[in-house]
Amino acid sequence: MMEIASRHPKYIASQKLIEELRIKIQSKKFRKYFSISEVIFFIESIKEVATICNLTFLIDICRDSKDNYLLAIAKDAKAGFLITGNKDLFVIKQFEITSILTLTEFLSHLSKI
């Protein structure tokens, strides 16, 4: 999910991001942490709080080309932060005005505000 740089955070997602989250959270790796009902609740919560954007930019800089759409969301949304667990994106660290952070790094940043 993206957070637009402002005093009041706004969360941005795309249908592709929501679908990827749904698939990953339901994978065997995460099944030990989340029940199906928790996955459904999580996805529905994202849909309630996030603005769903349609991608207008094409980006081609990620090591894994499947991740380019995440940077496109960041650019479209003029996001201050891209919060991810994706190691291929961590290599970039900064994309235009978007800082690429882990959830822990982002929470640490928020605690300083």
PDB file of N, CA and C in Angstrom:
ATOM      1  N   MET A   1       0.838  -1.162   0.000  1.00  0.00           N
ATOM      2  CA  MET A   1       0.000   0.000   0.000  1.00  0.00           C
ATOM      3  C   MET A   1       0.891   1.236   0.000  1.00  0.00           C
ATOM      4  N   MET A   2       0.420   2.257  -0.611  1.00  0.00           N
ATOM      5  CA  MET A   2       1.173   3.500  -0.693  1.00  0.00           C
ATOM      6  C   MET A   2       0.599   4.510   0.278  1.00  0.00           C
ATOM      7  N   GLU A   3       1.457   5.402   0.727  1.00  0.00           N
ATOM      8  CA  GLU A   3       0.999   6.493   1.592  1.00  0.00           C
ATOM      9  C   GLU A   3       1.419   7.782   0.921  1.00  0.00           C
ATOM     10  N   ILE A   4       0.477   8.662   0.680  1.00  0.00           N
ATOM     11  CA  ILE A   4       0.772   9.956   0.060  1.00  0.00           C
ATOM     12  C   ILE A   4       1.376  10.871   1.113  1.00  0.00           C
ATOM     13  N   ALA A   5       2.457  11.545   0.752  1.00  0.00           N
ATOM     14  CA  ALA A   5       3.126  12.445   1.688  1.00  0.00           C
ATOM     15  C   ALA A   5       2.210  13.618   2.017  1.00  0.00           C
ATOM     16  N   SER A   6       1.765  13.673   3.222  1.00  0.00           N
ATOM     17  CA  SER A   6       0.951  14.784   3.706  1.00  0.00           C
ATOM     18  C   SER A   6       0.855  14.661   5.216  1.00  0.00           C
ATOM     19  N   ARG A   7       0.262  15.656   5.821  1.00  0.00           N
ATOM     20  CA  ARG A   7       0.094  15.622   7.272  1.00  0.00           C
ATOM     21  C   ARG A   7      -0.896  14.537   7.682  1.00  0.00           C
ATOM     22  N   HIS A   8      -1.890  14.283   6.845  1.00  0.00           N
ATOM     23  CA  HIS A   8      -2.884  13.246   7.103  1.00  0.00           C
ATOM     24  C   HIS A   8      -2.681  12.136   6.083  1.00  0.00           C
ATOM     25  N   PRO A   9      -2.193  10.973   6.499  1.00  0.00           N
ATOM     26  CA  PRO A   9      -1.898   9.896   5.545  1.00  0.00           C
ATOM     27  C   PRO A   9      -3.132   9.482   4.747  1.00  0.00           C
ATOM     28  N   LYS A  10      -2.889   9.210   3.490  1.00  0.00           N
ATOM     29  CA  LYS A  10      -3.899   8.646   2.605  1.00  0.00           C
ATOM     30  C   LYS A  10      -3.286   7.385   2.024  1.00  0.00           C
ATOM     31  N   TYR A  11      -4.075   6.361   1.915  1.00  0.00           N
ATOM     32  CA  TYR A  11      -3.572   5.083   1.447  1.00  0.00           C
ATOM     33  C   TYR A  11      -4.088   4.810   0.047  1.00  0.00           C
ATOM     34  N   ILE A  12      -3.162   4.384  -0.823  1.00  0.00           N
ATOM     35  CA  ILE A  12      -3.453   4.171  -2.227  1.00  0.00           C
ATOM     36  C   ILE A  12      -3.142   2.720  -2.572  1.00  0.00           C
ATOM     37  N   ALA A  13      -4.004   2.116  -3.356  1.00  0.00           N
ATOM     38  CA  ALA A  13      -3.782   0.749  -3.827  1.00  0.00           C
ATOM     39  C   ALA A  13      -4.316   0.660  -5.247  1.00  0.00           C
ATOM     40  N   SER A  14      -4.080  -0.456  -5.881  1.00  0.00           N
ATOM     41  CA  SER A  14      -4.670  -0.750  -7.185  1.00  0.00           C
ATOM     42  C   SER A  14      -5.330  -2.118  -7.080  1.00  0.00           C
ATOM     43  N   GLN A  15      -6.186  -2.417  -8.029  1.00  0.00           N
ATOM     44  CA  GLN A  15      -6.834  -3.738  -8.029  1.00  0.00           C
ATOM     45  C   GLN A  15      -5.774  -4.833  -8.099  1.00  0.00           C
ATOM     46  N   LYS A  16      -4.730  -4.594  -8.891  1.00  0.00           N
ATOM     47  CA  LYS A  16      -3.651  -5.581  -9.028  1.00  0.00           C
ATOM     48  C   LYS A  16      -2.959  -5.808  -7.682  1.00  0.00           C
ATOM     49  N   LEU A  17      -2.718  -4.746  -6.936  1.00  0.00           N
ATOM     50  CA  LEU A  17      -2.083  -4.873  -5.622  1.00  0.00           C
ATOM     51  C   LEU A  17      -2.977  -5.640  -4.654  1.00  0.00           C
ATOM     52  N   ILE A  18      -4.254  -5.332  -4.643  1.00  0.00           N
ATOM     53  CA  ILE A  18      -5.189  -6.023  -3.755  1.00  0.00           C
ATOM     54  C   ILE A  18      -5.245  -7.507  -4.102  1.00  0.00           C
ATOM     55  N   GLU A  19      -5.264  -7.820  -5.389  1.00  0.00           N
ATOM     56  CA  GLU A  19      -5.298  -9.222  -5.805  1.00  0.00           C
ATOM     57  C   GLU A  19      -4.014  -9.942  -5.407  1.00  0.00           C
ATOM     58  N   GLU A  20      -2.870  -9.271  -5.578  1.00  0.00           N
ATOM     59  CA  GLU A  20      -1.599  -9.884  -5.180  1.00  0.00           C
ATOM     60  C   GLU A  20      -1.566 -10.128  -3.670  1.00  0.00           C
ATOM     61  N   LEU A  21      -2.047  -9.176  -2.885  1.00  0.00           N
ATOM     62  CA  LEU A  21      -2.110  -9.364  -1.431  1.00  0.00           C
ATOM     63  C   LEU A  21      -2.992 -10.555  -1.072  1.00  0.00           C
ATOM     64  N   ARG A  22      -4.146 -10.634  -1.717  1.00  0.00           N
ATOM     65  CA  ARG A  22      -5.073 -11.726  -1.436  1.00  0.00           C
ATOM     66  C   ARG A  22      -4.425 -13.080  -1.728  1.00  0.00           C
ATOM     67  N   ILE A  23      -3.756 -13.185  -2.854  1.00  0.00           N
ATOM     68  CA  ILE A  23      -3.108 -14.446  -3.236  1.00  0.00           C
ATOM     69  C   ILE A  23      -1.971 -14.778  -2.279  1.00  0.00           C
ATOM     70  N   LYS A  24      -1.121 -13.804  -1.991  1.00  0.00           N
ATOM     71  CA  LYS A  24       0.040 -14.063  -1.117  1.00  0.00           C
ATOM     72  C   LYS A  24      -0.389 -14.441   0.297  1.00  0.00           C
ATOM     73  N   ILE A  25      -1.366 -13.720   0.840  1.00  0.00           N
ATOM     74  CA  ILE A  25      -1.790 -13.989   2.212  1.00  0.00           C
ATOM     75  C   ILE A  25      -2.439 -15.360   2.331  1.00  0.00           C
ATOM     76  N   GLN A  26      -3.041 -15.839   1.244  1.00  0.00           N
ATOM     77  CA  GLN A  26      -3.667 -17.151   1.286  1.00  0.00           C
ATOM     78  C   GLN A  26      -2.685 -18.279   0.964  1.00  0.00           C
ATOM     79  N   SER A  27      -1.441 -17.936   0.636  1.00  0.00           N
ATOM     80  CA  SER A  27      -0.453 -18.959   0.296  1.00  0.00           C
ATOM     81  C   SER A  27      -0.087 -19.783   1.528  1.00  0.00           C
ATOM     82  N   LYS A  28       0.488 -20.924   1.268  1.00  0.00           N
ATOM     83  CA  LYS A  28       0.880 -21.850   2.339  1.00  0.00           C
ATOM     84  C   LYS A  28       1.786 -21.171   3.377  1.00  0.00           C
ATOM     85  N   LYS A  29       2.691 -20.328   2.898  1.00  0.00           N
ATOM     86  CA  LYS A  29       3.637 -19.631   3.780  1.00  0.00           C
ATOM     87  C   LYS A  29       2.917 -18.823   4.867  1.00  0.00           C
ATOM     88  N   PHE A  30       1.811 -18.164   4.504  1.00  0.00           N
ATOM     89  CA  PHE A  30       1.100 -17.298   5.447  1.00  0.00           C
ATOM     90  C   PHE A  30      -0.094 -17.963   6.113  1.00  0.00           C
ATOM     91  N   ARG A  31      -0.514 -19.125   5.631  1.00  0.00           N
ATOM     92  CA  ARG A  31      -1.697 -19.787   6.183  1.00  0.00           C
ATOM     93  C   ARG A  31      -1.549 -20.087   7.681  1.00  0.00           C
ATOM     94  N   LYS A  32      -0.338 -20.287   8.138  1.00  0.00           N
ATOM     95  CA  LYS A  32      -0.136 -20.560   9.566  1.00  0.00           C
ATOM     96  C   LYS A  32      -0.359 -19.315  10.423  1.00  0.00           C
ATOM     97  N   TYR A  33      -0.378 -18.132   9.789  1.00  0.00           N
ATOM     98  CA  TYR A  33      -0.563 -16.883  10.519  1.00  0.00           C
ATOM     99  C   TYR A  33      -1.982 -16.330  10.428  1.00  0.00           C
ATOM    100  N   PHE A  34      -2.682 -16.623   9.338  1.00  0.00           N
ATOM    101  CA  PHE A  34      -3.988 -16.013   9.082  1.00  0.00           C
ATOM    102  C   PHE A  34      -5.032 -17.050   8.718  1.00  0.00           C
ATOM    103  N   SER A  35      -6.209 -16.913   9.287  1.00  0.00           N
ATOM    104  CA  SER A  35      -7.339 -17.737   8.875  1.00  0.00           C
ATOM    105  C   SER A  35      -7.954 -17.105   7.629  1.00  0.00           C
ATOM    106  N   ILE A  36      -8.774 -17.864   6.919  1.00  0.00           N
ATOM    107  CA  ILE A  36      -9.445 -17.330   5.729  1.00  0.00           C
ATOM    108  C   ILE A  36     -10.292 -16.114   6.095  1.00  0.00           C
ATOM    109  N   SER A  37     -10.988 -16.177   7.223  1.00  0.00           N
ATOM    110  CA  SER A  37     -11.827 -15.035   7.615  1.00  0.00           C
ATOM    111  C   SER A  37     -10.974 -13.799   7.905  1.00  0.00           C
ATOM    112  N   GLU A  38      -9.788 -13.981   8.465  1.00  0.00           N
ATOM    113  CA  GLU A  38      -8.892 -12.842   8.709  1.00  0.00           C
ATOM    114  C   GLU A  38      -8.386 -12.258   7.393  1.00  0.00           C
ATOM    115  N   VAL A  39      -8.109 -13.116   6.419  1.00  0.00           N
ATOM    116  CA  VAL A  39      -7.666 -12.648   5.103  1.00  0.00           C
ATOM    117  C   VAL A  39      -8.762 -11.815   4.459  1.00  0.00           C
ATOM    118  N   ILE A  40      -9.986 -12.322   4.483  1.00  0.00           N
ATOM    119  CA  ILE A  40     -11.122 -11.601   3.904  1.00  0.00           C
ATOM    120  C   ILE A  40     -11.301 -10.252   4.601  1.00  0.00           C
ATOM    121  N   PHE A  41     -11.239 -10.257   5.926  1.00  0.00           N
ATOM    122  CA  PHE A  41     -11.378  -9.016   6.697  1.00  0.00           C
ATOM    123  C   PHE A  41     -10.277  -8.014   6.328  1.00  0.00           C
ATOM    124  N   PHE A  42      -9.047  -8.484   6.226  1.00  0.00           N
ATOM    125  CA  PHE A  42      -7.908  -7.629   5.889  1.00  0.00           C
ATOM    126  C   PHE A  42      -8.097  -6.993   4.514  1.00  0.00           C
ATOM    127  N   ILE A  43      -8.444  -7.798   3.522  1.00  0.00           N
ATOM    128  CA  ILE A  43      -8.625  -7.284   2.164  1.00  0.00           C
ATOM    129  C   ILE A  43      -9.781  -6.286   2.112  1.00  0.00           C
ATOM    130  N   GLU A  44     -10.873  -6.600   2.775  1.00  0.00           N
ATOM    131  CA  GLU A  44     -12.022  -5.687   2.789  1.00  0.00           C
ATOM    132  C   GLU A  44     -11.665  -4.383   3.509  1.00  0.00           C
ATOM    133  N   SER A  45     -10.859  -4.475   4.556  1.00  0.00           N
ATOM    134  CA  SER A  45     -10.418  -3.271   5.279  1.00  0.00           C
ATOM    135  C   SER A  45      -9.584  -2.370   4.383  1.00  0.00           C
ATOM    136  N   ILE A  46      -8.699  -2.970   3.599  1.00  0.00           N
ATOM    137  CA  ILE A  46      -7.891  -2.187   2.656  1.00  0.00           C
ATOM    138  C   ILE A  46      -8.798  -1.466   1.670  1.00  0.00           C
ATOM    139  N   LYS A  47      -9.772  -2.185   1.141  1.00  0.00           N
ATOM    140  CA  LYS A  47     -10.692  -1.575   0.171  1.00  0.00           C
ATOM    141  C   LYS A  47     -11.451  -0.403   0.787  1.00  0.00           C
ATOM    142  N   GLU A  48     -11.739  -0.470   2.077  1.00  0.00           N
ATOM    143  CA  GLU A  48     -12.478   0.605   2.749  1.00  0.00           C
ATOM    144  C   GLU A  48     -11.628   1.845   2.980  1.00  0.00           C
ATOM    145  N   VAL A  49     -10.349   1.667   3.305  1.00  0.00           N
ATOM    146  CA  VAL A  49      -9.523   2.827   3.667  1.00  0.00           C
ATOM    147  C   VAL A  49      -8.670   3.356   2.523  1.00  0.00           C
ATOM    148  N   ALA A  50      -8.439   2.544   1.510  1.00  0.00           N
ATOM    149  CA  ALA A  50      -7.541   2.957   0.424  1.00  0.00           C
ATOM    150  C   ALA A  50      -8.319   3.527  -0.748  1.00  0.00           C
ATOM    151  N   THR A  51      -7.682   4.465  -1.415  1.00  0.00           N
ATOM    152  CA  THR A  51      -8.179   4.953  -2.689  1.00  0.00           C
ATOM    153  C   THR A  51      -7.611   4.026  -3.755  1.00  0.00           C
ATOM    154  N   ILE A  52      -8.477   3.497  -4.593  1.00  0.00           N
ATOM    155  CA  ILE A  52      -8.035   2.600  -5.656  1.00  0.00           C
ATOM    156  C   ILE A  52      -7.709   3.448  -6.877  1.00  0.00           C
ATOM    157  N   CYS A  53      -6.460   3.341  -7.330  1.00  0.00           N
ATOM    158  CA  CYS A  53      -6.059   4.155  -8.479  1.00  0.00           C
ATOM    159  C   CYS A  53      -5.861   3.268  -9.704  1.00  0.00           C
ATOM    160  N   ASN A  54      -6.076   3.875 -10.841  1.00  0.00           N
ATOM    161  CA  ASN A  54      -5.788   3.233 -12.118  1.00  0.00           C
ATOM    162  C   ASN A  54      -4.412   3.711 -12.551  1.00  0.00           C
ATOM    163  N   LEU A  55      -3.597   2.800 -13.008  1.00  0.00           N
ATOM    164  CA  LEU A  55      -2.232   3.146 -13.379  1.00  0.00           C
ATOM    165  C   LEU A  55      -2.195   3.898 -14.704  1.00  0.00           C
ATOM    166  N   THR A  56      -1.440   4.994 -14.724  1.00  0.00           N
ATOM    167  CA  THR A  56      -1.285   5.760 -15.954  1.00  0.00           C
ATOM    168  C   THR A  56       0.165   5.772 -16.435  1.00  0.00           C
ATOM    169  N   PHE A  57       1.117   5.478 -15.548  1.00  0.00           N
ATOM    170  CA  PHE A  57       2.526   5.466 -15.923  1.00  0.00           C
ATOM    171  C   PHE A  57       3.002   4.036 -16.144  1.00  0.00           C
ATOM    172  N   LEU A  58       3.912   3.872 -17.079  1.00  0.00           N
ATOM    173  CA  LEU A  58       4.590   2.598 -17.277  1.00  0.00           C
ATOM    174  C   LEU A  58       6.015   2.762 -16.777  1.00  0.00           C
ATOM    175  N   ILE A  59       6.398   1.920 -15.853  1.00  0.00           N
ATOM    176  CA  ILE A  59       7.725   1.978 -15.249  1.00  0.00           C
ATOM    177  C   ILE A  59       8.453   0.691 -15.616  1.00  0.00           C
ATOM    178  N   ASP A  60       9.755   0.784 -15.876  1.00  0.00           N
ATOM    179  CA  ASP A  60      10.526  -0.407 -16.231  1.00  0.00           C
ATOM    180  C   ASP A  60      11.923  -0.304 -15.629  1.00  0.00           C
ATOM    181  N   ILE A  61      11.996  -0.332 -14.279  1.00  0.00           N
ATOM    182  CA  ILE A  61      13.313  -0.227 -13.651  1.00  0.00           C
ATOM    183  C   ILE A  61      13.589  -1.311 -12.612  1.00  0.00           C
ATOM    184  N   CYS A  62      12.595  -2.082 -12.224  1.00  0.00           N
ATOM    185  CA  CYS A  62      12.774  -3.093 -11.175  1.00  0.00           C
ATOM    186  C   CYS A  62      13.543  -4.303 -11.695  1.00  0.00           C
ATOM    187  N   ARG A  63      14.319  -4.925 -10.802  1.00  0.00           N
ATOM    188  CA  ARG A  63      14.999  -6.175 -11.150  1.00  0.00           C
ATOM    189  C   ARG A  63      13.973  -7.221 -11.564  1.00  0.00           C
ATOM    190  N   ASP A  64      12.859  -7.266 -10.850  1.00  0.00           N
ATOM    191  CA  ASP A  64      11.766  -8.172 -11.172  1.00  0.00           C
ATOM    192  C   ASP A  64      10.677  -7.337 -11.843  1.00  0.00           C
ATOM    193  N   SER A  65      10.497  -7.519 -13.126  1.00  0.00           N
ATOM    194  CA  SER A  65       9.564  -6.676 -13.888  1.00  0.00           C
ATOM    195  C   SER A  65       8.136  -6.752 -13.358  1.00  0.00           C
ATOM    196  N   LYS A  66       7.788  -7.813 -12.633  1.00  0.00           N
ATOM    197  CA  LYS A  66       6.440  -7.920 -12.066  1.00  0.00           C
ATOM    198  C   LYS A  66       6.196  -6.868 -10.987  1.00  0.00           C
ATOM    199  N   ASP A  67       7.247  -6.231 -10.481  1.00  0.00           N
ATOM    200  CA  ASP A  67       7.115  -5.237  -9.417  1.00  0.00           C
ATOM    201  C   ASP A  67       7.011  -3.804  -9.936  1.00  0.00           C
ATOM    202  N   ASN A  68       7.185  -3.610 -11.223  1.00  0.00           N
ATOM    203  CA  ASN A  68       7.134  -2.261 -11.786  1.00  0.00           C
ATOM    204  C   ASN A  68       5.817  -1.550 -11.510  1.00  0.00           C
ATOM    205  N   TYR A  69       4.728  -2.310 -11.443  1.00  0.00           N
ATOM    206  CA  TYR A  69       3.427  -1.670 -11.213  1.00  0.00           C
ATOM    207  C   TYR A  69       3.370  -0.990  -9.844  1.00  0.00           C
ATOM    208  N   LEU A  70       4.129  -1.482  -8.877  1.00  0.00           N
ATOM    209  CA  LEU A  70       4.145  -0.848  -7.552  1.00  0.00           C
ATOM    210  C   LEU A  70       4.765   0.552  -7.633  1.00  0.00           C
ATOM    211  N   LEU A  71       5.804   0.679  -8.419  1.00  0.00           N
ATOM    212  CA  LEU A  71       6.404   2.003  -8.613  1.00  0.00           C
ATOM    213  C   LEU A  71       5.474   2.901  -9.433  1.00  0.00           C
ATOM    214  N   ALA A  72       4.728   2.305 -10.352  1.00  0.00           N
ATOM    215  CA  ALA A  72       3.755   3.079 -11.126  1.00  0.00           C
ATOM    216  C   ALA A  72       2.665   3.634 -10.212  1.00  0.00           C
ATOM    217  N   ILE A  73       2.210   2.833  -9.247  1.00  0.00           N
ATOM    218  CA  ILE A  73       1.227   3.326  -8.276  1.00  0.00           C
ATOM    219  C   ILE A  73       1.824   4.504  -7.511  1.00  0.00           C
ATOM    220  N   ALA A  74       3.061   4.338  -7.053  1.00  0.00           N
ATOM    221  CA  ALA A  74       3.723   5.401  -6.287  1.00  0.00           C
ATOM    222  C   ALA A  74       3.807   6.687  -7.103  1.00  0.00           C
ATOM    223  N   LYS A  75       4.177   6.559  -8.356  1.00  0.00           N
ATOM    224  CA  LYS A  75       4.290   7.747  -9.214  1.00  0.00           C
ATOM    225  C   LYS A  75       2.919   8.373  -9.459  1.00  0.00           C
ATOM    226  N   ASP A  76       1.931   7.555  -9.798  1.00  0.00           N
ATOM    227  CA  ASP A  76       0.578   8.071 -10.040  1.00  0.00           C
ATOM    228  C   ASP A  76       0.031   8.783  -8.811  1.00  0.00           C
ATOM    229  N   ALA A  77       0.304   8.238  -7.644  1.00  0.00           N
ATOM    230  CA  ALA A  77      -0.250   8.783  -6.401  1.00  0.00           C
ATOM    231  C   ALA A  77       0.609   9.897  -5.804  1.00  0.00           C
ATOM    232  N   LYS A  78       1.792  10.114  -6.390  1.00  0.00           N
ATOM    233  CA  LYS A  78       2.750  11.053  -5.799  1.00  0.00           C
ATOM    234  C   LYS A  78       2.991  10.674  -4.341  1.00  0.00           C
ATOM    235  N   ALA A  79       3.210   9.377  -4.133  1.00  0.00           N
ATOM    236  CA  ALA A  79       3.334   8.812  -2.788  1.00  0.00           C
ATOM    237  C   ALA A  79       4.649   9.197  -2.129  1.00  0.00           C
ATOM    238  N   GLY A  80       4.567   9.510  -0.854  1.00  0.00           N
ATOM    239  CA  GLY A  80       5.761   9.772  -0.065  1.00  0.00           C
ATOM    240  C   GLY A  80       6.453   8.481   0.324  1.00  0.00           C
ATOM    241  N   PHE A  81       5.662   7.413   0.458  1.00  0.00           N
ATOM    242  CA  PHE A  81       6.211   6.141   0.913  1.00  0.00           C
ATOM    243  C   PHE A  81       5.598   4.971   0.159  1.00  0.00           C
ATOM    244  N   LEU A  82       6.426   3.985  -0.110  1.00  0.00           N
ATOM    245  CA  LEU A  82       5.989   2.681  -0.586  1.00  0.00           C
ATOM    246  C   LEU A  82       6.385   1.705   0.516  1.00  0.00           C
ATOM    247  N   ILE A  83       5.395   1.100   1.155  1.00  0.00           N
ATOM    248  CA  ILE A  83       5.644   0.192   2.275  1.00  0.00           C
ATOM    249  C   ILE A  83       5.547  -1.219   1.733  1.00  0.00           C
ATOM    250  N   THR A  84       6.637  -1.965   1.850  1.00  0.00           N
ATOM    251  CA  THR A  84       6.703  -3.277   1.216  1.00  0.00           C
ATOM    252  C   THR A  84       7.630  -4.218   1.971  1.00  0.00           C
ATOM    253  N   GLY A  85       7.486  -5.481   1.677  1.00  0.00           N
ATOM    254  CA  GLY A  85       8.409  -6.498   2.179  1.00  0.00           C
ATOM    255  C   GLY A  85       9.230  -7.055   1.029  1.00  0.00           C
ATOM    256  N   ASN A  86       9.153  -6.419  -0.133  1.00  0.00           N
ATOM    257  CA  ASN A  86       9.785  -6.909  -1.348  1.00  0.00           C
ATOM    258  C   ASN A  86      11.255  -6.491  -1.418  1.00  0.00           C
ATOM    259  N   LYS A  87      12.140  -7.469  -1.348  1.00  0.00           N
ATOM    260  CA  LYS A  87      13.582  -7.181  -1.332  1.00  0.00           C
ATOM    261  C   LYS A  87      14.077  -6.556  -2.636  1.00  0.00           C
ATOM    262  N   ASP A  88      13.453  -6.895  -3.755  1.00  0.00           N
ATOM    263  CA  ASP A  88      13.856  -6.284  -5.027  1.00  0.00           C
ATOM    264  C   ASP A  88      13.593  -4.781  -5.031  1.00  0.00           C
ATOM    265  N   LEU A  89      12.562  -4.342  -4.326  1.00  0.00           N
ATOM    266  CA  LEU A  89      12.272  -2.908  -4.251  1.00  0.00           C
ATOM    267  C   LEU A  89      13.181  -2.198  -3.255  1.00  0.00           C
ATOM    268  N   PHE A  90      13.631  -2.900  -2.208  1.00  0.00           N
ATOM    269  CA  PHE A  90      14.519  -2.276  -1.221  1.00  0.00           C
ATOM    270  C   PHE A  90      15.819  -1.806  -1.858  1.00  0.00           C
ATOM    271  N   VAL A  91      16.264  -2.497  -2.900  1.00  0.00           N
ATOM    272  CA  VAL A  91      17.501  -2.126  -3.587  1.00  0.00           C
ATOM    273  C   VAL A  91      17.404  -0.704  -4.138  1.00  0.00           C
ATOM    274  N   ILE A  92      16.206  -0.322  -4.564  1.00  0.00           N
ATOM    275  CA  ILE A  92      15.991   1.006  -5.156  1.00  0.00           C
ATOM    276  C   ILE A  92      16.022   2.096  -4.077  1.00  0.00           C
ATOM    277  N   LYS A  93      15.468   1.824  -2.907  1.00  0.00           N
ATOM    278  CA  LYS A  93      15.415   2.718  -1.746  1.00  0.00           C
ATOM    279  C   LYS A  93      14.597   3.995  -1.953  1.00  0.00           C
ATOM    280  N   GLN A  94      14.795   4.679  -3.062  1.00  0.00           N
ATOM    281  CA  GLN A  94      14.096   5.936  -3.346  1.00  0.00           C
ATOM    282  C   GLN A  94      13.723   5.935  -4.818  1.00  0.00           C
ATOM    283  N   PHE A  95      12.456   6.218  -5.106  1.00  0.00           N
ATOM    284  CA  PHE A  95      11.991   6.335  -6.490  1.00  0.00           C
ATOM    285  C   PHE A  95      11.289   7.679  -6.620  1.00  0.00           C
ATOM    286  N   GLU A  96      11.936   8.590  -7.318  1.00  0.00           N
ATOM    287  CA  GLU A  96      11.444   9.957  -7.432  1.00  0.00           C
ATOM    288  C   GLU A  96      11.188  10.503  -6.025  1.00  0.00           C
ATOM    289  N   ILE A  97       9.945  10.853  -5.668  1.00  0.00           N
ATOM    290  CA  ILE A  97       9.685  11.407  -4.331  1.00  0.00           C
ATOM    291  C   ILE A  97       9.302  10.335  -3.315  1.00  0.00           C
ATOM    292  N   THR A  98       9.317   9.072  -3.731  1.00  0.00           N
ATOM    293  CA  THR A  98       8.835   7.973  -2.891  1.00  0.00           C
ATOM    294  C   THR A  98       9.977   7.245  -2.200  1.00  0.00           C
ATOM    295  N   SER A  99       9.939   7.211  -0.863  1.00  0.00           N
ATOM    296  CA  SER A  99      10.878   6.407  -0.082  1.00  0.00           C
ATOM    297  C   SER A  99      10.312   4.994   0.019  1.00  0.00           C
ATOM    298  N   ILE A 100      11.157   4.007  -0.197  1.00  0.00           N
ATOM    299  CA  ILE A 100      10.721   2.607  -0.149  1.00  0.00           C
ATOM    300  C   ILE A 100      11.169   2.035   1.196  1.00  0.00           C
ATOM    301  N   LEU A 101      10.184   1.670   2.033  1.00  0.00           N
ATOM    302  CA  LEU A 101      10.446   1.274   3.415  1.00  0.00           C
ATOM    303  C   LEU A 101       9.772  -0.049   3.772  1.00  0.00           C
ATOM    304  N   THR A 102      10.336  -0.720   4.763  1.00  0.00           N
ATOM    305  CA  THR A 102       9.641  -1.854   5.370  1.00  0.00           C
ATOM    306  C   THR A 102       8.558  -1.281   6.282  1.00  0.00           C
ATOM    307  N   LEU A 103       7.649  -2.130   6.710  1.00  0.00           N
ATOM    308  CA  LEU A 103       6.617  -1.678   7.642  1.00  0.00           C
ATOM    309  C   LEU A 103       7.254  -1.181   8.937  1.00  0.00           C
ATOM    310  N   THR A 104       8.272  -1.880   9.416  1.00  0.00           N
ATOM    311  CA  THR A 104       8.969  -1.471  10.644  1.00  0.00           C
ATOM    312  C   THR A 104       9.600  -0.097  10.487  1.00  0.00           C
ATOM    313  N   GLU A 105      10.256   0.146   9.358  1.00  0.00           N
ATOM    314  CA  GLU A 105      10.866   1.454   9.105  1.00  0.00           C
ATOM    315  C   GLU A 105       9.798   2.550   9.039  1.00  0.00           C
ATOM    316  N   PHE A 106       8.677   2.239   8.390  1.00  0.00           N
ATOM    317  CA  PHE A 106       7.604   3.214   8.278  1.00  0.00           C
ATOM    318  C   PHE A 106       7.016   3.539   9.648  1.00  0.00           C
ATOM    319  N   LEU A 107       6.779   2.524  10.466  1.00  0.00           N
ATOM    320  CA  LEU A 107       6.241   2.766  11.822  1.00  0.00           C
ATOM    321  C   LEU A 107       7.221   3.575  12.656  1.00  0.00           C
ATOM    322  N   SER A 108       8.507   3.322  12.496  1.00  0.00           N
ATOM    323  CA  SER A 108       9.520   4.102  13.194  1.00  0.00           C
ATOM    324  C   SER A 108       9.458   5.564  12.739  1.00  0.00           C
ATOM    325  N   HIS A 109       9.316   5.774  11.446  1.00  0.00           N
ATOM    326  CA  HIS A 109       9.183   7.131  10.907  1.00  0.00           C
ATOM    327  C   HIS A 109       7.969   7.827  11.489  1.00  0.00           C
ATOM    328  N   LEU A 110       6.846   7.125  11.555  1.00  0.00           N
ATOM    329  CA  LEU A 110       5.612   7.703  12.097  1.00  0.00           C
ATOM    330  C   LEU A 110       5.769   8.082  13.569  1.00  0.00           C
ATOM    331  N   SER A 111       6.495   7.275  14.319  1.00  0.00           N
ATOM    332  CA  SER A 111       6.654   7.547  15.745  1.00  0.00           C
ATOM    333  C   SER A 111       7.471   8.812  16.003  1.00  0.00           C
ATOM    334  N   LYS A 112       8.232   9.256  15.016  1.00  0.00           N
ATOM    335  CA  LYS A 112       9.055  10.452  15.149  1.00  0.00           C
ATOM    336  C   LYS A 112       8.298  11.733  14.773  1.00  0.00           C
ATOM    337  N   ILE A 113       7.147  11.569  14.172  1.00  0.00           N
ATOM    338  CA  ILE A 113       6.378  12.736  13.713  1.00  0.00           C
ATOM    339  C   ILE A 113       5.604  13.331  14.875  1.00  0.00           C
TER     340      ILE A 113
END
